[in-house]
Amino acid sequence: MKRSLMDILCCPVCKGDLTLDVENENEKEVLEGKLRCAACRADYPIHEGIPNLLPPSDH
């Protein structure tokens, strides 16, 4: 996932702002980590550079 996507991504549950927690990245993109919604506290994993923005099953 490219860091520049942070400008356009929002939480699919509440439309809140997302923060990025990086575990692994290369010079081009974030490979592993998570996106977290500050408003509803939902977490969205990033695996192999692909963010999973499906709403959590408990919402």
PDB file of N, CA and C in Angstrom:
ATOM      1  N   MET A   1       0.844  -1.166   0.000  1.00  0.00           N
ATOM      2  CA  MET A   1       0.000   0.000   0.000  1.00  0.00           C
ATOM      3  C   MET A   1       0.892   1.233   0.000  1.00  0.00           C
ATOM      4  N   LYS A   2       0.659   2.121  -0.888  1.00  0.00           N
ATOM      5  CA  LYS A   2       1.433   3.359  -0.931  1.00  0.00           C
ATOM      6  C   LYS A   2       0.961   4.322   0.152  1.00  0.00           C
ATOM      7  N   ARG A   3       1.908   4.991   0.798  1.00  0.00           N
ATOM      8  CA  ARG A   3       1.563   5.943   1.856  1.00  0.00           C
ATOM      9  C   ARG A   3       0.651   7.059   1.351  1.00  0.00           C
ATOM     10  N   SER A   4       0.748   7.390   0.063  1.00  0.00           N
ATOM     11  CA  SER A   4      -0.078   8.465  -0.489  1.00  0.00           C
ATOM     12  C   SER A   4      -1.575   8.148  -0.434  1.00  0.00           C
ATOM     13  N   LEU A   5      -1.939   6.868  -0.299  1.00  0.00           N
ATOM     14  CA  LEU A   5      -3.344   6.498  -0.183  1.00  0.00           C
ATOM     15  C   LEU A   5      -3.972   6.996   1.115  1.00  0.00           C
ATOM     16  N   MET A   6      -3.157   7.287   2.108  1.00  0.00           N
ATOM     17  CA  MET A   6      -3.679   7.763   3.392  1.00  0.00           C
ATOM     18  C   MET A   6      -4.493   9.049   3.219  1.00  0.00           C
ATOM     19  N   ASP A   7      -4.208   9.822   2.173  1.00  0.00           N
ATOM     20  CA  ASP A   7      -4.942  11.063   1.931  1.00  0.00           C
ATOM     21  C   ASP A   7      -6.386  10.819   1.512  1.00  0.00           C
ATOM     22  N   ILE A   8      -6.673   9.650   0.954  1.00  0.00           N
ATOM     23  CA  ILE A   8      -8.021   9.403   0.445  1.00  0.00           C
ATOM     24  C   ILE A   8      -8.777   8.297   1.182  1.00  0.00           C
ATOM     25  N   LEU A   9      -8.086   7.512   2.005  1.00  0.00           N
ATOM     26  CA  LEU A   9      -8.747   6.419   2.715  1.00  0.00           C
ATOM     27  C   LEU A   9      -9.480   6.923   3.953  1.00  0.00           C
ATOM     28  N   CYS A  10     -10.620   6.289   4.234  1.00  0.00           N
ATOM     29  CA  CYS A  10     -11.340   6.557   5.480  1.00  0.00           C
ATOM     30  C   CYS A  10     -11.939   5.238   5.966  1.00  0.00           C
ATOM     31  N   CYS A  11     -12.383   5.234   7.187  1.00  0.00           N
ATOM     32  CA  CYS A  11     -12.969   4.039   7.785  1.00  0.00           C
ATOM     33  C   CYS A  11     -14.267   3.678   7.050  1.00  0.00           C
ATOM     34  N   PRO A  12     -14.406   2.427   6.593  1.00  0.00           N
ATOM     35  CA  PRO A  12     -15.642   2.041   5.915  1.00  0.00           C
ATOM     36  C   PRO A  12     -16.842   1.939   6.858  1.00  0.00           C
ATOM     37  N   VAL A  13     -16.598   1.869   8.155  1.00  0.00           N
ATOM     38  CA  VAL A  13     -17.689   1.758   9.121  1.00  0.00           C
ATOM     39  C   VAL A  13     -18.277   3.130   9.463  1.00  0.00           C
ATOM     40  N   CYS A  14     -17.405   4.078   9.849  1.00  0.00           N
ATOM     41  CA  CYS A  14     -17.906   5.372  10.335  1.00  0.00           C
ATOM     42  C   CYS A  14     -17.389   6.569   9.541  1.00  0.00           C
ATOM     43  N   LYS A  15     -16.556   6.315   8.536  1.00  0.00           N
ATOM     44  CA  LYS A  15     -15.954   7.369   7.696  1.00  0.00           C
ATOM     45  C   LYS A  15     -14.936   8.224   8.445  1.00  0.00           C
ATOM     46  N   GLY A  16     -14.450   7.734   9.589  1.00  0.00           N
ATOM     47  CA  GLY A  16     -13.444   8.454  10.376  1.00  0.00           C
ATOM     48  C   GLY A  16     -12.063   8.371   9.734  1.00  0.00           C
ATOM     49  N   ASP A  17     -11.148   9.179  10.249  1.00  0.00           N
ATOM     50  CA  ASP A  17      -9.770   9.189   9.767  1.00  0.00           C
ATOM     51  C   ASP A  17      -9.035   7.939  10.238  1.00  0.00           C
ATOM     52  N   LEU A  18      -8.153   7.436   9.377  1.00  0.00           N
ATOM     53  CA  LEU A  18      -7.350   6.262   9.701  1.00  0.00           C
ATOM     54  C   LEU A  18      -5.924   6.663  10.012  1.00  0.00           C
ATOM     55  N   THR A  19      -5.311   5.951  10.961  1.00  0.00           N
ATOM     56  CA  THR A  19      -3.895   6.128  11.248  1.00  0.00           C
ATOM     57  C   THR A  19      -3.174   4.870  10.781  1.00  0.00           C
ATOM     58  N   LEU A  20      -1.907   5.030  10.444  1.00  0.00           N
ATOM     59  CA  LEU A  20      -1.114   3.949   9.885  1.00  0.00           C
ATOM     60  C   LEU A  20      -0.094   3.461  10.903  1.00  0.00           C
ATOM     61  N   ASP A  21      -0.078   2.154  11.150  1.00  0.00           N
ATOM     62  CA  ASP A  21       0.901   1.509  12.017  1.00  0.00           C
ATOM     63  C   ASP A  21       1.703   0.546  11.148  1.00  0.00           C
ATOM     64  N   VAL A  22       2.959   0.887  10.855  1.00  0.00           N
ATOM     65  CA  VAL A  22       3.784   0.125   9.922  1.00  0.00           C
ATOM     66  C   VAL A  22       4.637  -0.901  10.654  1.00  0.00           C
ATOM     67  N   GLU A  23       4.592  -2.148  10.195  1.00  0.00           N
ATOM     68  CA  GLU A  23       5.458  -3.205  10.716  1.00  0.00           C
ATOM     69  C   GLU A  23       6.612  -3.478   9.757  1.00  0.00           C
ATOM     70  N   ASN A  24       6.361  -3.349   8.453  1.00  0.00           N
ATOM     71  CA  ASN A  24       7.387  -3.621   7.447  1.00  0.00           C
ATOM     72  C   ASN A  24       7.061  -2.820   6.183  1.00  0.00           C
ATOM     73  N   GLU A  25       8.086  -2.155   5.633  1.00  0.00           N
ATOM     74  CA  GLU A  25       7.886  -1.440   4.381  1.00  0.00           C
ATOM     75  C   GLU A  25       9.173  -1.430   3.585  1.00  0.00           C
ATOM     76  N   ASN A  26       9.043  -1.205   2.286  1.00  0.00           N
ATOM     77  CA  ASN A  26      10.216  -1.034   1.444  1.00  0.00           C
ATOM     78  C   ASN A  26      10.223   0.411   0.940  1.00  0.00           C
ATOM     79  N   GLU A  27      11.063   0.715  -0.021  1.00  0.00           N
ATOM     80  CA  GLU A  27      11.171   2.100  -0.481  1.00  0.00           C
ATOM     81  C   GLU A  27       9.924   2.580  -1.227  1.00  0.00           C
ATOM     82  N   LYS A  28       9.060   1.664  -1.643  1.00  0.00           N
ATOM     83  CA  LYS A  28       7.887   2.039  -2.428  1.00  0.00           C
ATOM     84  C   LYS A  28       6.577   2.014  -1.650  1.00  0.00           C
ATOM     85  N   GLU A  29       6.427   1.053  -0.745  1.00  0.00           N
ATOM     86  CA  GLU A  29       5.118   0.886  -0.106  1.00  0.00           C
ATOM     87  C   GLU A  29       5.202   0.181   1.248  1.00  0.00           C
ATOM     88  N   VAL A  30       4.107   0.278   1.984  1.00  0.00           N
ATOM     89  CA  VAL A  30       3.947  -0.431   3.246  1.00  0.00           C
ATOM     90  C   VAL A  30       3.558  -1.867   2.912  1.00  0.00           C
ATOM     91  N   LEU A  31       4.313  -2.825   3.423  1.00  0.00           N
ATOM     92  CA  LEU A  31       4.051  -4.232   3.134  1.00  0.00           C
ATOM     93  C   LEU A  31       3.204  -4.906   4.205  1.00  0.00           C
ATOM     94  N   GLU A  32       3.487  -4.596   5.466  1.00  0.00           N
ATOM     95  CA  GLU A  32       2.767  -5.201   6.593  1.00  0.00           C
ATOM     96  C   GLU A  32       2.474  -4.114   7.621  1.00  0.00           C
ATOM     97  N   GLY A  33       1.318  -4.215   8.239  1.00  0.00           N
ATOM     98  CA  GLY A  33       0.945  -3.264   9.278  1.00  0.00           C
ATOM     99  C   GLY A  33      -0.557  -3.255   9.453  1.00  0.00           C
ATOM    100  N   LYS A  34      -1.072  -2.121   9.919  1.00  0.00           N
ATOM    101  CA  LYS A  34      -2.517  -2.004  10.067  1.00  0.00           C
ATOM    102  C   LYS A  34      -2.939  -0.549   9.971  1.00  0.00           C
ATOM    103  N   LEU A  35      -4.189  -0.383   9.614  1.00  0.00           N
ATOM    104  CA  LEU A  35      -4.848   0.913   9.632  1.00  0.00           C
ATOM    105  C   LEU A  35      -5.813   0.883  10.801  1.00  0.00           C
ATOM    106  N   ARG A  36      -5.874   1.976  11.565  1.00  0.00           N
ATOM    107  CA  ARG A  36      -6.776   2.031  12.718  1.00  0.00           C
ATOM    108  C   ARG A  36      -7.621   3.276  12.631  1.00  0.00           C
ATOM    109  N   CYS A  37      -8.898   3.115  12.893  1.00  0.00           N
ATOM    110  CA  CYS A  37      -9.814   4.250  12.927  1.00  0.00           C
ATOM    111  C   CYS A  37      -9.771   4.880  14.312  1.00  0.00           C
ATOM    112  N   ALA A  38      -9.489   6.170  14.355  1.00  0.00           N
ATOM    113  CA  ALA A  38      -9.431   6.880  15.632  1.00  0.00           C
ATOM    114  C   ALA A  38     -10.822   7.026  16.245  1.00  0.00           C
ATOM    115  N   ALA A  39     -11.851   7.089  15.422  1.00  0.00           N
ATOM    116  CA  ALA A  39     -13.209   7.322  15.920  1.00  0.00           C
ATOM    117  C   ALA A  39     -13.841   6.057  16.502  1.00  0.00           C
ATOM    118  N   CYS A  40     -13.891   4.974  15.722  1.00  0.00           N
ATOM    119  CA  CYS A  40     -14.580   3.764  16.209  1.00  0.00           C
ATOM    120  C   CYS A  40     -13.620   2.658  16.617  1.00  0.00           C
ATOM    121  N   ARG A  41     -12.319   2.879  16.492  1.00  0.00           N
ATOM    122  CA  ARG A  41     -11.263   1.974  16.923  1.00  0.00           C
ATOM    123  C   ARG A  41     -11.224   0.642  16.171  1.00  0.00           C
ATOM    124  N   ALA A  42     -11.763   0.614  14.967  1.00  0.00           N
ATOM    125  CA  ALA A  42     -11.677  -0.591  14.140  1.00  0.00           C
ATOM    126  C   ALA A  42     -10.270  -0.692  13.553  1.00  0.00           C
ATOM    127  N   ASP A  43      -9.756  -1.910  13.439  1.00  0.00           N
ATOM    128  CA  ASP A  43      -8.444  -2.162  12.844  1.00  0.00           C
ATOM    129  C   ASP A  43      -8.609  -2.863  11.503  1.00  0.00           C
ATOM    130  N   TYR A  44      -7.768  -2.469  10.553  1.00  0.00           N
ATOM    131  CA  TYR A  44      -7.763  -3.056   9.217  1.00  0.00           C
ATOM    132  C   TYR A  44      -6.338  -3.478   8.894  1.00  0.00           C
ATOM    133  N   PRO A  45      -6.100  -4.771   8.717  1.00  0.00           N
ATOM    134  CA  PRO A  45      -4.730  -5.244   8.479  1.00  0.00           C
ATOM    135  C   PRO A  45      -4.225  -4.912   7.076  1.00  0.00           C
ATOM    136  N   ILE A  46      -2.921  -4.756   6.966  1.00  0.00           N
ATOM    137  CA  ILE A  46      -2.240  -4.636   5.681  1.00  0.00           C
ATOM    138  C   ILE A  46      -1.327  -5.845   5.584  1.00  0.00           C
ATOM    139  N   HIS A  47      -1.535  -6.667   4.559  1.00  0.00           N
ATOM    140  CA  HIS A  47      -0.756  -7.896   4.386  1.00  0.00           C
ATOM    141  C   HIS A  47      -0.265  -7.972   2.949  1.00  0.00           C
ATOM    142  N   GLU A  48       1.032  -8.144   2.783  1.00  0.00           N
ATOM    143  CA  GLU A  48       1.670  -8.191   1.472  1.00  0.00           C
ATOM    144  C   GLU A  48       1.323  -6.964   0.628  1.00  0.00           C
ATOM    145  N   GLY A  49       1.241  -5.806   1.291  1.00  0.00           N
ATOM    146  CA  GLY A  49       0.997  -4.548   0.599  1.00  0.00           C
ATOM    147  C   GLY A  49      -0.454  -4.248   0.291  1.00  0.00           C
ATOM    148  N   ILE A  50      -1.365  -5.124   0.720  1.00  0.00           N
ATOM    149  CA  ILE A  50      -2.783  -4.945   0.396  1.00  0.00           C
ATOM    150  C   ILE A  50      -3.581  -4.680   1.673  1.00  0.00           C
ATOM    151  N   PRO A  51      -4.218  -3.490   1.767  1.00  0.00           N
ATOM    152  CA  PRO A  51      -5.060  -3.225   2.935  1.00  0.00           C
ATOM    153  C   PRO A  51      -6.400  -3.950   2.812  1.00  0.00           C
ATOM    154  N   ASN A  52      -6.825  -4.579   3.897  1.00  0.00           N
ATOM    155  CA  ASN A  52      -8.128  -5.243   3.952  1.00  0.00           C
ATOM    156  C   ASN A  52      -9.095  -4.285   4.626  1.00  0.00           C
ATOM    157  N   LEU A  53      -9.908  -3.611   3.841  1.00  0.00           N
ATOM    158  CA  LEU A  53     -10.825  -2.608   4.380  1.00  0.00           C
ATOM    159  C   LEU A  53     -12.246  -3.127   4.525  1.00  0.00           C
ATOM    160  N   LEU A  54     -12.396  -4.444   4.670  1.00  0.00           N
ATOM    161  CA  LEU A  54     -13.715  -4.981   4.972  1.00  0.00           C
ATOM    162  C   LEU A  54     -14.051  -4.639   6.417  1.00  0.00           C
ATOM    163  N   PRO A  55     -15.289  -4.223   6.673  1.00  0.00           N
ATOM    164  CA  PRO A  55     -15.670  -3.921   8.058  1.00  0.00           C
ATOM    165  C   PRO A  55     -15.482  -5.141   8.954  1.00  0.00           C
ATOM    166  N   PRO A  56     -15.019  -4.925  10.186  1.00  0.00           N
ATOM    167  CA  PRO A  56     -14.879  -6.044  11.130  1.00  0.00           C
ATOM    168  C   PRO A  56     -16.221  -6.731  11.338  1.00  0.00           C
ATOM    169  N   SER A  57     -16.210  -8.005  11.602  1.00  0.00           N
ATOM    170  CA  SER A  57     -17.446  -8.785  11.715  1.00  0.00           C
ATOM    171  C   SER A  57     -18.313  -8.381  12.903  1.00  0.00           C
ATOM    172  N   ASP A  58     -17.724  -7.688  13.898  1.00  0.00           N
ATOM    173  CA  ASP A  58     -18.507  -7.286  15.066  1.00  0.00           C
ATOM    174  C   ASP A  58     -19.202  -5.947  14.883  1.00  0.00           C
ATOM    175  N   HIS A  59     -19.108  -5.314  13.698  1.00  0.00           N
ATOM    176  CA  HIS A  59     -19.805  -4.051  13.441  1.00  0.00           C
ATOM    177  C   HIS A  59     -21.026  -4.290  12.613  1.00  0.00           C
TER     178      HIS A  59
END
